[in-house]
């Protein structure tokens, strides 16, 4: 575990979950850093935005991500 304290925003999460996003590969490359961070912050508002934006493309994956948060 690293000492990183990270705040995830809507754009990053959408890129991570949407393989068609222009930044998908970059988000995937950064994901291990998130997994190893000592703290990861996200707001309910961001989870709502992600759910609304991605439910049409990957409803199951989006719901699973939100539940795991």
C-alpha atoms as a PDB file:
ATOM      1  CA  UNK A   1       0.000   0.000   0.000  1.00  0.00           C
ATOM      2  CA  UNK A   2       1.255   3.455  -0.905  1.00  0.00           C
ATOM      3  CA  UNK A   3       0.694   6.740   0.887  1.00  0.00           C
ATOM      4  CA  UNK A   4      -1.332   8.030  -2.085  1.00  0.00           C
ATOM      5  CA  UNK A   5      -4.600   9.740  -1.229  1.00  0.00           C
ATOM      6  CA  UNK A   6      -6.661   9.963  -4.404  1.00  0.00           C
ATOM      7  CA  UNK A   7      -9.932  11.593  -5.418  1.00  0.00           C
ATOM      8  CA  UNK A   8     -11.648   9.940  -8.381  1.00  0.00           C
ATOM      9  CA  UNK A   9     -13.656  12.137 -10.709  1.00  0.00           C
ATOM     10  CA  UNK A  10     -16.408  11.271 -13.154  1.00  0.00           C
ATOM     11  CA  UNK A  11     -14.187  11.473 -16.238  1.00  0.00           C
ATOM     12  CA  UNK A  12     -11.689   8.959 -14.852  1.00  0.00           C
ATOM     13  CA  UNK A  13     -14.343   6.440 -13.803  1.00  0.00           C
ATOM     14  CA  UNK A  14     -16.148   6.723 -17.124  1.00  0.00           C
ATOM     15  CA  UNK A  15     -12.887   6.171 -18.988  1.00  0.00           C
ATOM     16  CA  UNK A  16     -12.098   3.169 -16.814  1.00  0.00           C
ATOM     17  CA  UNK A  17     -15.482   1.504 -17.325  1.00  0.00           C
ATOM     18  CA  UNK A  18     -16.078   2.444 -20.973  1.00  0.00           C
ATOM     19  CA  UNK A  19     -13.758   0.646 -23.394  1.00  0.00           C
ATOM     20  CA  UNK A  20     -14.792   3.090 -26.156  1.00  0.00           C
ATOM     21  CA  UNK A  21     -13.618   6.121 -24.200  1.00  0.00           C
ATOM     22  CA  UNK A  22     -10.553   7.874 -25.656  1.00  0.00           C
ATOM     23  CA  UNK A  23      -8.813   7.666 -22.267  1.00  0.00           C
ATOM     24  CA  UNK A  24      -9.716   4.055 -21.442  1.00  0.00           C
ATOM     25  CA  UNK A  25      -6.184   2.681 -21.819  1.00  0.00           C
ATOM     26  CA  UNK A  26      -4.710   5.472 -19.711  1.00  0.00           C
ATOM     27  CA  UNK A  27      -7.286   4.896 -16.982  1.00  0.00           C
ATOM     28  CA  UNK A  28      -6.545   1.161 -16.988  1.00  0.00           C
ATOM     29  CA  UNK A  29      -2.835   1.891 -16.697  1.00  0.00           C
ATOM     30  CA  UNK A  30      -3.493   4.066 -13.611  1.00  0.00           C
ATOM     31  CA  UNK A  31      -5.824   1.576 -11.944  1.00  0.00           C
ATOM     32  CA  UNK A  32      -3.087  -0.307 -10.017  1.00  0.00           C
ATOM     33  CA  UNK A  33      -2.163   2.983  -8.351  1.00  0.00           C
ATOM     34  CA  UNK A  34      -5.742   3.299  -7.151  1.00  0.00           C
ATOM     35  CA  UNK A  35      -5.801  -0.267  -5.883  1.00  0.00           C
ATOM     36  CA  UNK A  36      -2.630   0.368  -3.858  1.00  0.00           C
ATOM     37  CA  UNK A  37      -3.582   3.792  -2.488  1.00  0.00           C
ATOM     38  CA  UNK A  38      -4.052   4.241   1.232  1.00  0.00           C
ATOM     39  CA  UNK A  39      -7.215   6.304   0.611  1.00  0.00           C
ATOM     40  CA  UNK A  40      -9.538   6.677  -2.360  1.00  0.00           C
ATOM     41  CA  UNK A  41     -12.258   9.309  -2.242  1.00  0.00           C
ATOM     42  CA  UNK A  42     -15.384   9.574  -4.368  1.00  0.00           C
ATOM     43  CA  UNK A  43     -18.654  11.410  -3.824  1.00  0.00           C
ATOM     44  CA  UNK A  44     -22.201  10.165  -4.176  1.00  0.00           C
ATOM     45  CA  UNK A  45     -22.785  12.824  -6.833  1.00  0.00           C
ATOM     46  CA  UNK A  46     -19.996  11.338  -8.951  1.00  0.00           C
ATOM     47  CA  UNK A  47     -21.465   7.851  -8.575  1.00  0.00           C
ATOM     48  CA  UNK A  48     -24.836   9.194  -9.753  1.00  0.00           C
ATOM     49  CA  UNK A  49     -23.197  10.867 -12.758  1.00  0.00           C
ATOM     50  CA  UNK A  50     -21.362   7.664 -13.654  1.00  0.00           C
ATOM     51  CA  UNK A  51     -24.528   5.611 -13.289  1.00  0.00           C
ATOM     52  CA  UNK A  52     -26.476   7.959 -15.524  1.00  0.00           C
ATOM     53  CA  UNK A  53     -23.766   8.228 -18.152  1.00  0.00           C
ATOM     54  CA  UNK A  54     -22.828   4.563 -18.453  1.00  0.00           C
ATOM     55  CA  UNK A  55     -26.023   2.662 -17.682  1.00  0.00           C
ATOM     56  CA  UNK A  56     -26.919   2.562 -21.366  1.00  0.00           C
ATOM     57  CA  UNK A  57     -23.548   1.098 -22.389  1.00  0.00           C
ATOM     58  CA  UNK A  58     -22.611  -1.179 -19.503  1.00  0.00           C
ATOM     59  CA  UNK A  59     -25.438  -1.252 -16.988  1.00  0.00           C
ATOM     60  CA  UNK A  60     -24.268  -4.392 -15.174  1.00  0.00           C
ATOM     61  CA  UNK A  61     -20.622  -3.326 -14.943  1.00  0.00           C
ATOM     62  CA  UNK A  62     -21.581   0.155 -13.808  1.00  0.00           C
ATOM     63  CA  UNK A  63     -23.928  -1.181 -11.122  1.00  0.00           C
ATOM     64  CA  UNK A  64     -21.244  -3.577  -9.901  1.00  0.00           C
ATOM     65  CA  UNK A  65     -18.673  -0.768  -9.683  1.00  0.00           C
ATOM     66  CA  UNK A  66     -21.061   1.463  -7.735  1.00  0.00           C
ATOM     67  CA  UNK A  67     -21.941  -1.334  -5.313  1.00  0.00           C
ATOM     68  CA  UNK A  68     -18.271  -2.081  -4.688  1.00  0.00           C
ATOM     69  CA  UNK A  69     -17.636   1.563  -3.818  1.00  0.00           C
END
